[in-house]
């Protein structure tokens, strides 16, 4: 009589692990769709805001335009990172963190250059473009809000979008300041704020990505505070 071969039944843990894989896959699929939407919106706004910054002679708008370009690159790189393993995602997030840091330094350099030039911006053009940019970034940040506690790659994208919305509101305030005072200082001040904000976010992303690379897994949710 042949003894039937023993086949172990799947444990509850195995089933749970499988469900976790499905949830992770669904999350990545949703994240990918949101990234494509964000990429298209940011690429369009880069073109619009860059042209407007030249028309208005505004360093704050120019800084925000460069930020839109950087975010477009971030979203594109994040789409590539979704197809890679967790360590590659952490490496991509680390690279994006350093990119944000370089951007912050460049913006501060532009501020110094514009102070030396002393050219005054056009507040009405600044305000109109800032409202449009704010609407775009609030929409993108809303779409990305659900992923703010994901891995370092997801957190870095969320931080970029959140900081952009804050920056757009600041540009709008700068337009009012330029209109009320007739000086360059509100415009330069906001540009300096955007640069500092980028450096702060870069520090958060770099620290989170380094933690993931050292541990070999995504850092626990909530361990990295938003800057």
N, C-alpha and C. Protein backbone atom coordinates (compact mmCIF):
# COMPACT_ATOMS: atom_id res chain seq x y z
N UNK A 1 0.86 -1.19 0.00
CA UNK A 1 0.00 0.00 0.00
C UNK A 1 0.89 1.24 0.00
N UNK A 2 0.63 2.10 -0.91
CA UNK A 2 1.46 3.30 -1.05
C UNK A 2 1.02 4.37 -0.06
N UNK A 3 1.98 4.86 0.68
CA UNK A 3 1.68 5.92 1.65
C UNK A 3 1.59 7.26 0.93
N UNK A 4 0.47 7.96 1.07
CA UNK A 4 0.33 9.24 0.37
C UNK A 4 1.37 10.24 0.87
N UNK A 5 1.90 10.99 -0.09
CA UNK A 5 2.91 11.99 0.27
C UNK A 5 2.27 13.10 1.09
N UNK A 6 3.04 13.59 2.02
CA UNK A 6 2.52 14.63 2.91
C UNK A 6 2.77 16.00 2.29
N UNK A 7 1.70 16.77 2.21
CA UNK A 7 1.81 18.14 1.70
C UNK A 7 1.31 19.09 2.79
N UNK A 8 2.19 19.86 3.35
CA UNK A 8 1.76 20.75 4.43
C UNK A 8 0.76 21.78 3.94
N UNK A 9 -0.24 22.03 4.76
CA UNK A 9 -1.24 23.03 4.42
C UNK A 9 -0.66 24.42 4.66
N UNK A 10 -1.07 25.37 3.86
CA UNK A 10 -0.57 26.73 4.07
C UNK A 10 -0.94 27.23 5.46
N UNK A 11 0.00 27.80 6.13
CA UNK A 11 -0.27 28.34 7.46
C UNK A 11 -0.98 29.68 7.34
N UNK A 12 -1.52 30.12 8.49
CA UNK A 12 -2.16 31.43 8.51
C UNK A 12 -1.16 32.51 8.16
N UNK A 13 0.09 32.33 8.63
CA UNK A 13 1.13 33.32 8.35
C UNK A 13 1.40 33.41 6.86
N UNK A 14 1.44 32.23 6.17
CA UNK A 14 1.67 32.23 4.73
C UNK A 14 0.56 33.01 4.02
N UNK A 15 -0.67 32.77 4.43
CA UNK A 15 -1.79 33.46 3.80
C UNK A 15 -1.70 34.96 4.04
N UNK A 16 -1.35 35.31 5.26
CA UNK A 16 -1.23 36.73 5.57
C UNK A 16 -0.11 37.38 4.77
N UNK A 17 1.01 36.66 4.65
CA UNK A 17 2.12 37.20 3.86
C UNK A 17 1.70 37.41 2.42
N UNK A 18 0.93 36.46 1.87
CA UNK A 18 0.47 36.59 0.49
C UNK A 18 -0.46 37.78 0.35
N UNK A 19 -1.35 37.95 1.32
CA UNK A 19 -2.24 39.10 1.29
C UNK A 19 -1.45 40.39 1.35
N UNK A 20 -0.37 40.37 2.14
CA UNK A 20 0.47 41.56 2.24
C UNK A 20 1.11 41.89 0.90
N UNK A 21 1.53 40.86 0.15
CA UNK A 21 2.10 41.09 -1.17
C UNK A 21 1.07 41.72 -2.10
N UNK A 22 -0.17 41.23 -2.04
CA UNK A 22 -1.22 41.77 -2.89
C UNK A 22 -1.50 43.23 -2.54
N UNK A 23 -1.53 43.53 -1.25
CA UNK A 23 -1.76 44.91 -0.82
C UNK A 23 -0.63 45.81 -1.30
N UNK A 24 0.62 45.32 -1.16
CA UNK A 24 1.77 46.11 -1.60
C UNK A 24 1.72 46.36 -3.10
N UNK A 25 1.33 45.32 -3.86
CA UNK A 25 1.23 45.46 -5.31
C UNK A 25 0.16 46.48 -5.68
N UNK A 26 -0.99 46.40 -5.02
CA UNK A 26 -2.07 47.35 -5.30
C UNK A 26 -1.65 48.77 -4.95
N UNK A 27 -0.91 48.89 -3.85
CA UNK A 27 -0.44 50.22 -3.43
C UNK A 27 0.53 50.79 -4.46
N UNK A 28 1.46 49.96 -4.95
CA UNK A 28 2.39 50.42 -5.97
C UNK A 28 1.67 50.80 -7.26
N UNK A 29 0.64 50.04 -7.62
CA UNK A 29 -0.12 50.34 -8.84
C UNK A 29 -0.81 51.70 -8.72
N UNK A 30 -1.43 51.95 -7.58
CA UNK A 30 -2.08 53.24 -7.36
C UNK A 30 -1.05 54.37 -7.32
N UNK A 31 0.08 54.11 -6.67
CA UNK A 31 1.14 55.11 -6.58
C UNK A 31 1.68 55.45 -7.97
N UNK A 32 1.80 54.44 -8.83
CA UNK A 32 2.30 54.66 -10.18
C UNK A 32 1.36 55.56 -10.98
N UNK A 33 0.05 55.33 -10.87
CA UNK A 33 -0.91 56.16 -11.58
C UNK A 33 -0.85 57.61 -11.10
N UNK A 34 -0.74 57.78 -9.79
CA UNK A 34 -0.64 59.13 -9.24
C UNK A 34 0.64 59.82 -9.73
N UNK A 35 1.74 59.07 -9.80
CA UNK A 35 3.00 59.65 -10.25
C UNK A 35 2.93 60.13 -11.69
N UNK A 36 2.27 59.37 -12.56
CA UNK A 36 2.12 59.80 -13.95
C UNK A 36 1.33 61.11 -14.03
N UNK A 37 0.28 61.22 -13.24
CA UNK A 37 -0.51 62.46 -13.21
C UNK A 37 0.34 63.62 -12.71
N UNK A 38 1.09 63.38 -11.64
CA UNK A 38 1.94 64.43 -11.07
C UNK A 38 3.04 64.84 -12.04
N UNK A 39 3.61 63.88 -12.76
CA UNK A 39 4.66 64.17 -13.73
C UNK A 39 4.15 65.09 -14.83
N UNK A 40 2.98 64.80 -15.39
CA UNK A 40 2.42 65.62 -16.45
C UNK A 40 2.11 67.03 -15.96
N UNK A 41 1.53 67.14 -14.76
CA UNK A 41 1.17 68.45 -14.21
C UNK A 41 2.40 69.30 -13.94
N UNK A 42 3.44 68.69 -13.37
CA UNK A 42 4.65 69.45 -13.04
C UNK A 42 5.44 69.85 -14.26
N UNK A 43 5.49 69.00 -15.28
CA UNK A 43 6.20 69.35 -16.51
C UNK A 43 5.53 70.54 -17.19
N UNK A 44 4.19 70.54 -17.20
CA UNK A 44 3.46 71.66 -17.81
C UNK A 44 3.70 72.95 -17.02
N UNK A 45 3.66 72.86 -15.70
CA UNK A 45 3.85 74.05 -14.87
C UNK A 45 5.27 74.59 -14.94
N UNK A 46 6.25 73.72 -15.16
CA UNK A 46 7.62 74.21 -15.32
C UNK A 46 7.71 75.15 -16.51
N UNK A 47 7.13 74.74 -17.63
CA UNK A 47 7.17 75.56 -18.84
C UNK A 47 6.46 76.89 -18.63
N UNK A 48 5.27 76.83 -18.02
CA UNK A 48 4.49 78.04 -17.79
C UNK A 48 5.19 78.99 -16.83
N UNK A 49 5.68 78.45 -15.72
CA UNK A 49 6.26 79.31 -14.69
C UNK A 49 7.62 79.87 -15.09
N UNK A 50 8.39 79.10 -15.86
CA UNK A 50 9.68 79.61 -16.31
C UNK A 50 9.49 80.81 -17.23
N UNK A 51 8.53 80.69 -18.17
CA UNK A 51 8.25 81.82 -19.06
C UNK A 51 7.76 83.03 -18.26
N UNK A 52 6.89 82.78 -17.28
CA UNK A 52 6.35 83.87 -16.48
C UNK A 52 7.43 84.53 -15.62
N UNK A 53 8.40 83.75 -15.16
CA UNK A 53 9.45 84.32 -14.32
C UNK A 53 10.30 85.33 -15.10
N UNK A 54 10.52 85.05 -16.38
CA UNK A 54 11.26 85.99 -17.22
C UNK A 54 10.43 87.24 -17.48
N UNK A 55 9.13 87.04 -17.73
CA UNK A 55 8.25 88.18 -17.97
C UNK A 55 8.14 89.08 -16.74
N UNK A 56 8.05 88.46 -15.56
CA UNK A 56 7.86 89.22 -14.32
C UNK A 56 9.17 89.61 -13.65
N UNK A 57 10.30 89.07 -14.14
CA UNK A 57 11.61 89.32 -13.55
C UNK A 57 11.60 88.96 -12.06
N UNK A 58 11.04 87.78 -11.75
CA UNK A 58 10.86 87.35 -10.37
C UNK A 58 11.77 86.17 -10.04
N UNK A 59 12.62 86.34 -9.03
CA UNK A 59 13.49 85.24 -8.61
C UNK A 59 12.70 84.15 -7.90
N UNK A 60 11.62 84.53 -7.21
CA UNK A 60 10.78 83.55 -6.53
C UNK A 60 10.08 82.63 -7.53
N UNK A 61 9.55 83.22 -8.60
CA UNK A 61 8.91 82.40 -9.64
C UNK A 61 9.92 81.51 -10.33
N UNK A 62 11.12 82.05 -10.57
CA UNK A 62 12.15 81.24 -11.22
C UNK A 62 12.56 80.07 -10.34
N UNK A 63 12.69 80.33 -9.04
CA UNK A 63 13.02 79.25 -8.11
C UNK A 63 11.93 78.19 -8.10
N UNK A 64 10.68 78.64 -8.15
CA UNK A 64 9.56 77.71 -8.16
C UNK A 64 9.51 76.93 -9.46
N UNK A 65 9.89 77.58 -10.59
CA UNK A 65 9.91 76.89 -11.88
C UNK A 65 10.96 75.79 -11.89
N UNK A 66 12.14 76.09 -11.37
CA UNK A 66 13.18 75.07 -11.28
C UNK A 66 12.72 73.93 -10.38
N UNK A 67 11.97 74.28 -9.34
CA UNK A 67 11.43 73.26 -8.44
C UNK A 67 10.47 72.33 -9.17
N UNK A 68 9.62 72.90 -10.04
CA UNK A 68 8.72 72.07 -10.84
C UNK A 68 9.50 71.12 -11.75
N UNK A 69 10.60 71.61 -12.32
CA UNK A 69 11.43 70.75 -13.16
C UNK A 69 12.05 69.62 -12.33
N UNK A 70 12.57 69.98 -11.16
CA UNK A 70 13.14 68.96 -10.29
C UNK A 70 12.13 67.92 -9.86
N UNK A 71 10.91 68.37 -9.57
CA UNK A 71 9.87 67.43 -9.18
C UNK A 71 9.47 66.51 -10.33
N UNK A 72 9.46 67.06 -11.55
CA UNK A 72 9.17 66.21 -12.71
C UNK A 72 10.20 65.09 -12.81
N UNK A 73 11.47 65.45 -12.61
CA UNK A 73 12.52 64.43 -12.62
C UNK A 73 12.34 63.45 -11.47
N UNK A 74 11.95 63.95 -10.30
CA UNK A 74 11.73 63.08 -9.15
C UNK A 74 10.63 62.05 -9.42
N UNK A 75 9.53 62.51 -10.02
CA UNK A 75 8.43 61.60 -10.32
C UNK A 75 8.85 60.55 -11.35
N UNK A 76 9.62 60.99 -12.36
CA UNK A 76 10.09 60.04 -13.37
C UNK A 76 11.01 58.99 -12.76
N UNK A 77 11.93 59.43 -11.91
CA UNK A 77 12.84 58.49 -11.25
C UNK A 77 12.07 57.56 -10.32
N UNK A 78 11.06 58.09 -9.65
CA UNK A 78 10.25 57.26 -8.75
C UNK A 78 9.51 56.17 -9.51
N UNK A 79 9.05 56.49 -10.72
CA UNK A 79 8.39 55.47 -11.54
C UNK A 79 9.36 54.34 -11.87
N UNK A 80 10.61 54.69 -12.15
CA UNK A 80 11.62 53.66 -12.40
C UNK A 80 11.89 52.86 -11.13
N UNK A 81 11.92 53.56 -9.99
CA UNK A 81 12.23 52.90 -8.72
C UNK A 81 11.18 51.88 -8.32
N UNK A 82 9.93 52.06 -8.77
CA UNK A 82 8.86 51.12 -8.41
C UNK A 82 9.13 49.72 -8.96
N UNK A 83 9.91 49.63 -10.04
CA UNK A 83 10.21 48.33 -10.62
C UNK A 83 11.42 47.67 -9.96
N UNK A 84 12.08 48.37 -9.05
CA UNK A 84 13.30 47.85 -8.42
C UNK A 84 13.01 47.34 -7.02
N UNK A 85 14.03 46.73 -6.40
CA UNK A 85 13.89 46.23 -5.04
C UNK A 85 13.96 47.35 -4.02
N UNK A 86 13.77 46.97 -2.75
CA UNK A 86 13.71 47.96 -1.68
C UNK A 86 15.03 48.72 -1.53
N UNK A 87 16.17 48.03 -1.71
CA UNK A 87 17.45 48.72 -1.58
C UNK A 87 17.64 49.73 -2.69
N UNK A 88 17.19 49.40 -3.91
CA UNK A 88 17.30 50.35 -5.00
C UNK A 88 16.39 51.55 -4.76
N UNK A 89 15.22 51.30 -4.19
CA UNK A 89 14.33 52.42 -3.88
C UNK A 89 14.99 53.35 -2.87
N UNK A 90 15.65 52.79 -1.89
CA UNK A 90 16.33 53.62 -0.89
C UNK A 90 17.48 54.40 -1.51
N UNK A 91 18.20 53.76 -2.44
CA UNK A 91 19.29 54.46 -3.13
C UNK A 91 18.76 55.62 -3.98
N UNK A 92 17.63 55.37 -4.65
CA UNK A 92 17.01 56.43 -5.46
C UNK A 92 16.58 57.59 -4.56
N UNK A 93 15.97 57.26 -3.42
CA UNK A 93 15.55 58.30 -2.49
C UNK A 93 16.75 59.09 -1.97
N UNK A 94 17.87 58.41 -1.73
CA UNK A 94 19.08 59.08 -1.28
C UNK A 94 19.59 60.05 -2.34
N UNK A 95 19.57 59.61 -3.61
CA UNK A 95 20.00 60.49 -4.71
C UNK A 95 19.08 61.70 -4.84
N UNK A 96 17.77 61.46 -4.68
CA UNK A 96 16.83 62.58 -4.76
C UNK A 96 17.04 63.55 -3.60
N UNK A 97 17.39 63.02 -2.43
CA UNK A 97 17.65 63.90 -1.29
C UNK A 97 18.81 64.83 -1.56
N UNK A 98 19.89 64.30 -2.13
CA UNK A 98 21.03 65.14 -2.45
C UNK A 98 20.70 66.13 -3.57
N UNK A 99 19.83 65.72 -4.51
CA UNK A 99 19.40 66.64 -5.56
C UNK A 99 18.64 67.82 -4.97
N UNK A 100 17.77 67.54 -4.00
CA UNK A 100 17.03 68.60 -3.32
C UNK A 100 17.98 69.54 -2.58
N UNK A 101 19.05 68.98 -2.01
CA UNK A 101 20.02 69.80 -1.30
C UNK A 101 20.75 70.75 -2.26
N UNK A 102 21.14 70.22 -3.43
CA UNK A 102 21.81 71.06 -4.43
C UNK A 102 20.88 72.16 -4.91
N UNK A 103 19.60 71.82 -5.11
CA UNK A 103 18.62 72.82 -5.52
C UNK A 103 18.52 73.95 -4.49
N UNK A 104 18.50 73.58 -3.22
CA UNK A 104 18.41 74.60 -2.17
C UNK A 104 19.58 75.56 -2.20
N UNK A 105 20.78 75.03 -2.40
CA UNK A 105 21.97 75.87 -2.46
C UNK A 105 21.91 76.80 -3.68
N UNK A 106 21.46 76.28 -4.83
CA UNK A 106 21.37 77.08 -6.04
C UNK A 106 20.38 78.23 -5.89
N UNK A 107 19.25 77.96 -5.24
CA UNK A 107 18.25 79.00 -5.04
C UNK A 107 18.82 80.13 -4.18
N UNK A 108 19.55 79.77 -3.14
CA UNK A 108 20.15 80.80 -2.29
C UNK A 108 21.17 81.63 -3.07
N UNK A 109 21.87 80.98 -4.01
CA UNK A 109 22.82 81.71 -4.85
C UNK A 109 22.10 82.68 -5.78
N UNK A 110 20.94 82.26 -6.32
CA UNK A 110 20.15 83.14 -7.18
C UNK A 110 19.65 84.35 -6.39
N UNK A 111 19.29 84.14 -5.14
CA UNK A 111 18.85 85.25 -4.29
C UNK A 111 19.95 86.31 -4.19
N UNK A 112 21.16 85.87 -3.93
CA UNK A 112 22.29 86.80 -3.80
C UNK A 112 22.52 87.55 -5.11
N UNK A 113 22.40 86.84 -6.23
CA UNK A 113 22.59 87.46 -7.54
C UNK A 113 21.56 88.54 -7.80
N UNK A 114 20.30 88.27 -7.48
CA UNK A 114 19.23 89.24 -7.74
C UNK A 114 19.31 90.44 -6.81
N UNK A 115 19.79 90.24 -5.60
CA UNK A 115 20.01 91.38 -4.71
C UNK A 115 21.10 92.29 -5.29
N UNK A 116 22.13 91.69 -5.84
CA UNK A 116 23.21 92.47 -6.45
C UNK A 116 22.71 93.23 -7.68
N UNK A 117 21.83 92.56 -8.48
CA UNK A 117 21.28 93.22 -9.67
C UNK A 117 20.29 94.32 -9.30
N UNK A 118 19.44 94.06 -8.31
CA UNK A 118 18.46 95.05 -7.87
C UNK A 118 17.26 95.22 -8.78
N UNK A 119 16.95 94.21 -9.62
CA UNK A 119 15.81 94.31 -10.54
C UNK A 119 14.51 94.04 -9.78
N UNK A 120 13.48 94.87 -10.02
CA UNK A 120 12.20 94.72 -9.35
C UNK A 120 11.24 93.85 -10.14
N UNK A 121 10.57 92.87 -9.49
CA UNK A 121 9.62 91.99 -10.18
C UNK A 121 8.25 92.64 -10.39
N UNK A 122 7.42 92.00 -11.24
CA UNK A 122 6.06 92.47 -11.50
C UNK A 122 5.08 91.68 -10.63
N UNK A 123 4.48 92.32 -9.63
CA UNK A 123 3.66 91.59 -8.66
C UNK A 123 2.40 90.95 -9.23
N UNK A 124 1.75 91.59 -10.21
CA UNK A 124 0.51 91.03 -10.74
C UNK A 124 0.75 89.71 -11.47
N UNK A 125 1.81 89.66 -12.26
CA UNK A 125 2.16 88.41 -12.94
C UNK A 125 2.56 87.35 -11.92
N UNK A 126 3.31 87.75 -10.91
CA UNK A 126 3.68 86.82 -9.84
C UNK A 126 2.45 86.20 -9.19
N UNK A 127 1.48 87.05 -8.87
CA UNK A 127 0.28 86.58 -8.17
C UNK A 127 -0.53 85.61 -9.03
N UNK A 128 -0.71 85.95 -10.30
CA UNK A 128 -1.52 85.10 -11.18
C UNK A 128 -0.90 83.71 -11.34
N UNK A 129 0.41 83.67 -11.57
CA UNK A 129 1.08 82.38 -11.75
C UNK A 129 1.15 81.61 -10.43
N UNK A 130 1.31 82.32 -9.33
CA UNK A 130 1.36 81.66 -8.02
C UNK A 130 0.04 80.97 -7.70
N UNK A 131 -1.07 81.60 -8.05
CA UNK A 131 -2.39 80.99 -7.81
C UNK A 131 -2.53 79.71 -8.63
N UNK A 132 -2.13 79.77 -9.90
CA UNK A 132 -2.20 78.59 -10.76
C UNK A 132 -1.30 77.47 -10.23
N UNK A 133 -0.08 77.83 -9.87
CA UNK A 133 0.87 76.83 -9.35
C UNK A 133 0.37 76.22 -8.03
N UNK A 134 -0.23 77.05 -7.19
CA UNK A 134 -0.76 76.56 -5.92
C UNK A 134 -1.88 75.55 -6.15
N UNK A 135 -2.76 75.85 -7.10
CA UNK A 135 -3.86 74.93 -7.40
C UNK A 135 -3.33 73.58 -7.88
N UNK A 136 -2.31 73.61 -8.74
CA UNK A 136 -1.72 72.37 -9.26
C UNK A 136 -1.07 71.57 -8.13
N UNK A 137 -0.29 72.24 -7.30
CA UNK A 137 0.44 71.53 -6.25
C UNK A 137 -0.46 71.03 -5.14
N UNK A 138 -1.51 71.77 -4.82
CA UNK A 138 -2.46 71.28 -3.81
C UNK A 138 -3.15 70.02 -4.33
N UNK A 139 -3.49 70.02 -5.62
CA UNK A 139 -4.11 68.83 -6.21
C UNK A 139 -3.18 67.63 -6.18
N UNK A 140 -1.91 67.84 -6.53
CA UNK A 140 -0.94 66.74 -6.52
C UNK A 140 -0.67 66.27 -5.09
N UNK A 141 -0.53 67.21 -4.16
CA UNK A 141 -0.29 66.84 -2.76
C UNK A 141 -1.47 66.04 -2.20
N UNK A 142 -2.68 66.40 -2.60
CA UNK A 142 -3.87 65.66 -2.16
C UNK A 142 -3.83 64.22 -2.65
N UNK A 143 -3.41 64.03 -3.91
CA UNK A 143 -3.32 62.68 -4.47
C UNK A 143 -2.24 61.85 -3.77
N UNK A 144 -1.15 62.51 -3.36
CA UNK A 144 -0.02 61.80 -2.75
C UNK A 144 -0.15 61.65 -1.24
N UNK A 145 -1.15 62.28 -0.64
CA UNK A 145 -1.28 62.28 0.82
C UNK A 145 -1.36 60.87 1.39
N UNK A 146 -2.02 59.97 0.68
CA UNK A 146 -2.20 58.60 1.17
C UNK A 146 -0.88 57.84 1.25
N UNK A 147 0.17 58.32 0.57
CA UNK A 147 1.44 57.60 0.53
C UNK A 147 2.52 58.26 1.40
N UNK A 148 2.14 59.22 2.24
CA UNK A 148 3.12 60.00 3.01
C UNK A 148 3.86 59.15 4.04
N UNK A 149 3.29 58.01 4.45
CA UNK A 149 3.93 57.16 5.46
C UNK A 149 4.50 55.88 4.84
N UNK A 150 4.76 55.89 3.53
CA UNK A 150 5.33 54.73 2.87
C UNK A 150 6.84 54.67 3.06
N UNK A 151 7.54 54.01 2.10
CA UNK A 151 9.00 53.92 2.20
C UNK A 151 9.63 55.28 1.90
N UNK A 152 10.96 55.33 1.91
CA UNK A 152 11.65 56.61 1.72
C UNK A 152 11.34 57.22 0.36
N UNK A 153 11.16 56.38 -0.66
CA UNK A 153 10.84 56.87 -1.99
C UNK A 153 9.50 57.60 -1.98
N UNK A 154 8.48 56.98 -1.36
CA UNK A 154 7.16 57.60 -1.29
C UNK A 154 7.19 58.85 -0.43
N UNK A 155 7.92 58.80 0.69
CA UNK A 155 7.98 59.96 1.57
C UNK A 155 8.66 61.14 0.89
N UNK A 156 9.71 60.87 0.09
CA UNK A 156 10.42 61.96 -0.57
C UNK A 156 9.52 62.67 -1.58
N UNK A 157 8.70 61.89 -2.31
CA UNK A 157 7.78 62.48 -3.28
C UNK A 157 6.72 63.31 -2.56
N UNK A 158 6.19 62.79 -1.45
CA UNK A 158 5.19 63.53 -0.68
C UNK A 158 5.77 64.83 -0.13
N UNK A 159 7.01 64.79 0.39
CA UNK A 159 7.63 65.99 0.94
C UNK A 159 7.83 67.05 -0.14
N UNK A 160 8.24 66.63 -1.33
CA UNK A 160 8.42 67.58 -2.44
C UNK A 160 7.11 68.29 -2.76
N UNK A 161 6.03 67.52 -2.87
CA UNK A 161 4.73 68.10 -3.24
C UNK A 161 4.19 69.00 -2.14
N UNK A 162 4.34 68.56 -0.90
CA UNK A 162 3.89 69.38 0.23
C UNK A 162 4.64 70.70 0.28
N UNK A 163 5.97 70.65 0.11
CA UNK A 163 6.77 71.86 0.16
C UNK A 163 6.46 72.79 -1.00
N UNK A 164 6.12 72.22 -2.16
CA UNK A 164 5.75 73.04 -3.30
C UNK A 164 4.50 73.86 -3.02
N UNK A 165 3.49 73.24 -2.42
CA UNK A 165 2.25 73.95 -2.10
C UNK A 165 2.53 75.09 -1.11
N UNK A 166 3.38 74.82 -0.11
CA UNK A 166 3.76 75.86 0.84
C UNK A 166 4.51 76.98 0.12
N UNK A 167 5.41 76.60 -0.78
CA UNK A 167 6.17 77.59 -1.53
C UNK A 167 5.30 78.46 -2.41
N UNK A 168 4.28 77.88 -3.06
CA UNK A 168 3.39 78.66 -3.90
C UNK A 168 2.62 79.70 -3.09
N UNK A 169 2.16 79.30 -1.91
CA UNK A 169 1.47 80.25 -1.03
C UNK A 169 2.41 81.39 -0.64
N UNK A 170 3.68 81.06 -0.41
CA UNK A 170 4.66 82.08 -0.05
C UNK A 170 4.92 83.03 -1.21
N UNK A 171 4.96 82.50 -2.44
CA UNK A 171 5.15 83.36 -3.62
C UNK A 171 3.98 84.32 -3.75
N UNK A 172 2.78 83.84 -3.46
CA UNK A 172 1.59 84.70 -3.52
C UNK A 172 1.70 85.84 -2.50
N UNK A 173 2.17 85.52 -1.30
CA UNK A 173 2.39 86.56 -0.29
C UNK A 173 3.48 87.53 -0.73
N UNK A 174 4.51 87.01 -1.39
CA UNK A 174 5.59 87.87 -1.87
C UNK A 174 5.09 88.86 -2.90
N UNK A 175 4.18 88.39 -3.77
CA UNK A 175 3.60 89.29 -4.77
C UNK A 175 2.89 90.46 -4.10
N UNK A 176 2.13 90.15 -3.04
CA UNK A 176 1.48 91.23 -2.30
C UNK A 176 2.48 92.15 -1.63
N UNK A 177 3.58 91.57 -1.13
CA UNK A 177 4.62 92.38 -0.50
C UNK A 177 5.32 93.29 -1.49
N UNK A 178 5.62 92.78 -2.67
CA UNK A 178 6.26 93.60 -3.71
C UNK A 178 5.32 94.72 -4.14
N UNK A 179 4.04 94.39 -4.29
CA UNK A 179 3.05 95.40 -4.70
C UNK A 179 2.91 96.49 -3.63
N UNK A 180 2.93 96.09 -2.36
CA UNK A 180 2.74 97.06 -1.29
C UNK A 180 3.95 97.91 -0.99
N UNK A 181 5.14 97.33 -1.14
CA UNK A 181 6.37 98.05 -0.77
C UNK A 181 7.12 98.63 -1.97
N UNK A 182 6.90 98.04 -3.15
CA UNK A 182 7.63 98.49 -4.33
C UNK A 182 9.10 98.14 -4.29
N UNK A 183 9.48 97.14 -3.49
CA UNK A 183 10.88 96.74 -3.39
C UNK A 183 11.05 95.27 -3.80
N UNK A 184 12.31 94.87 -3.94
CA UNK A 184 12.63 93.50 -4.35
C UNK A 184 12.64 92.53 -3.18
N UNK A 185 12.67 93.03 -1.96
CA UNK A 185 12.94 92.18 -0.80
C UNK A 185 11.90 91.08 -0.54
N UNK A 186 10.61 91.33 -0.71
CA UNK A 186 9.67 90.20 -0.52
C UNK A 186 9.93 89.05 -1.49
N UNK A 187 10.27 89.39 -2.74
CA UNK A 187 10.55 88.37 -3.75
C UNK A 187 11.81 87.57 -3.38
N UNK A 188 12.85 88.28 -2.99
CA UNK A 188 14.10 87.62 -2.61
C UNK A 188 13.91 86.80 -1.33
N UNK A 189 13.13 87.34 -0.41
CA UNK A 189 12.90 86.63 0.85
C UNK A 189 12.21 85.29 0.64
N UNK A 190 11.22 85.26 -0.25
CA UNK A 190 10.51 84.01 -0.52
C UNK A 190 11.42 83.03 -1.25
N UNK A 191 12.23 83.53 -2.18
CA UNK A 191 13.17 82.65 -2.87
C UNK A 191 14.14 82.01 -1.87
N UNK A 192 14.59 82.80 -0.90
CA UNK A 192 15.47 82.25 0.14
C UNK A 192 14.74 81.22 1.00
N UNK A 193 13.45 81.47 1.26
CA UNK A 193 12.64 80.51 2.02
C UNK A 193 12.52 79.18 1.29
N UNK A 194 12.29 79.25 -0.04
CA UNK A 194 12.19 78.02 -0.83
C UNK A 194 13.50 77.23 -0.79
N UNK A 195 14.61 77.95 -0.86
CA UNK A 195 15.90 77.27 -0.80
C UNK A 195 16.12 76.59 0.55
N UNK A 196 15.76 77.28 1.62
CA UNK A 196 15.91 76.71 2.96
C UNK A 196 14.98 75.51 3.16
N UNK A 197 13.76 75.61 2.62
CA UNK A 197 12.79 74.52 2.72
C UNK A 197 13.31 73.28 2.00
N UNK A 198 13.94 73.50 0.84
CA UNK A 198 14.50 72.37 0.09
C UNK A 198 15.62 71.70 0.87
N UNK A 199 16.46 72.49 1.53
CA UNK A 199 17.55 71.92 2.32
C UNK A 199 17.01 71.12 3.52
N UNK A 200 15.94 71.62 4.14
CA UNK A 200 15.34 70.92 5.27
C UNK A 200 14.73 69.59 4.84
N UNK A 201 13.99 69.60 3.72
CA UNK A 201 13.40 68.36 3.21
C UNK A 201 14.48 67.38 2.78
N UNK A 202 15.56 67.89 2.19
CA UNK A 202 16.66 67.03 1.76
C UNK A 202 17.27 66.30 2.95
N UNK A 203 17.43 67.00 4.05
CA UNK A 203 17.98 66.37 5.26
C UNK A 203 17.09 65.22 5.74
N UNK A 204 15.77 65.43 5.71
CA UNK A 204 14.84 64.39 6.14
C UNK A 204 14.91 63.16 5.24
N UNK A 205 14.90 63.39 3.92
CA UNK A 205 14.92 62.28 2.97
C UNK A 205 16.24 61.52 3.04
N UNK A 206 17.36 62.23 3.12
CA UNK A 206 18.68 61.58 3.19
C UNK A 206 18.79 60.73 4.46
N UNK A 207 18.34 61.27 5.58
CA UNK A 207 18.40 60.53 6.84
C UNK A 207 17.55 59.27 6.78
N UNK A 208 16.34 59.39 6.20
CA UNK A 208 15.44 58.24 6.10
C UNK A 208 16.03 57.16 5.18
N UNK A 209 16.56 57.58 4.02
CA UNK A 209 17.12 56.63 3.07
C UNK A 209 18.34 55.91 3.65
N UNK A 210 19.18 56.64 4.36
CA UNK A 210 20.35 56.02 4.98
C UNK A 210 19.94 54.99 6.03
N UNK A 211 18.88 55.30 6.78
CA UNK A 211 18.38 54.35 7.78
C UNK A 211 17.92 53.07 7.11
N UNK A 212 17.20 53.20 5.99
CA UNK A 212 16.71 52.03 5.27
C UNK A 212 17.86 51.20 4.72
N UNK A 213 18.89 51.85 4.19
CA UNK A 213 20.02 51.12 3.62
C UNK A 213 20.79 50.37 4.71
N UNK A 214 20.90 50.96 5.89
CA UNK A 214 21.60 50.30 6.99
C UNK A 214 20.81 49.11 7.53
N UNK A 215 19.50 49.25 7.61
CA UNK A 215 18.66 48.19 8.16
C UNK A 215 18.29 47.14 7.12
N UNK A 216 18.33 47.54 5.85
CA UNK A 216 17.94 46.62 4.79
C UNK A 216 16.45 46.56 4.55
N UNK A 217 15.67 47.34 5.31
CA UNK A 217 14.22 47.40 5.16
C UNK A 217 13.77 48.83 5.34
N UNK A 218 12.56 49.19 4.84
CA UNK A 218 12.05 50.53 5.05
C UNK A 218 11.99 50.88 6.52
N UNK A 219 12.29 52.12 6.83
CA UNK A 219 12.24 52.57 8.22
C UNK A 219 10.81 52.52 8.73
N UNK A 220 10.61 52.27 10.03
CA UNK A 220 9.26 52.20 10.58
C UNK A 220 8.51 53.49 10.36
N UNK A 221 7.18 53.37 10.15
CA UNK A 221 6.36 54.54 9.90
C UNK A 221 6.41 55.46 11.11
N UNK A 222 6.48 56.75 10.83
CA UNK A 222 6.44 57.73 11.90
C UNK A 222 7.78 58.05 12.52
N UNK A 223 8.86 57.32 12.13
CA UNK A 223 10.16 57.59 12.74
C UNK A 223 10.82 58.82 12.15
N UNK A 224 10.40 59.19 10.94
CA UNK A 224 10.97 60.38 10.31
C UNK A 224 9.90 61.45 10.28
N UNK A 225 10.12 62.51 10.99
CA UNK A 225 9.13 63.58 11.04
C UNK A 225 9.23 64.44 9.81
N UNK A 226 8.08 64.95 9.36
CA UNK A 226 8.07 65.85 8.20
C UNK A 226 8.66 67.18 8.62
N UNK A 227 9.52 67.72 7.75
CA UNK A 227 10.16 68.98 8.08
C UNK A 227 9.35 70.13 7.54
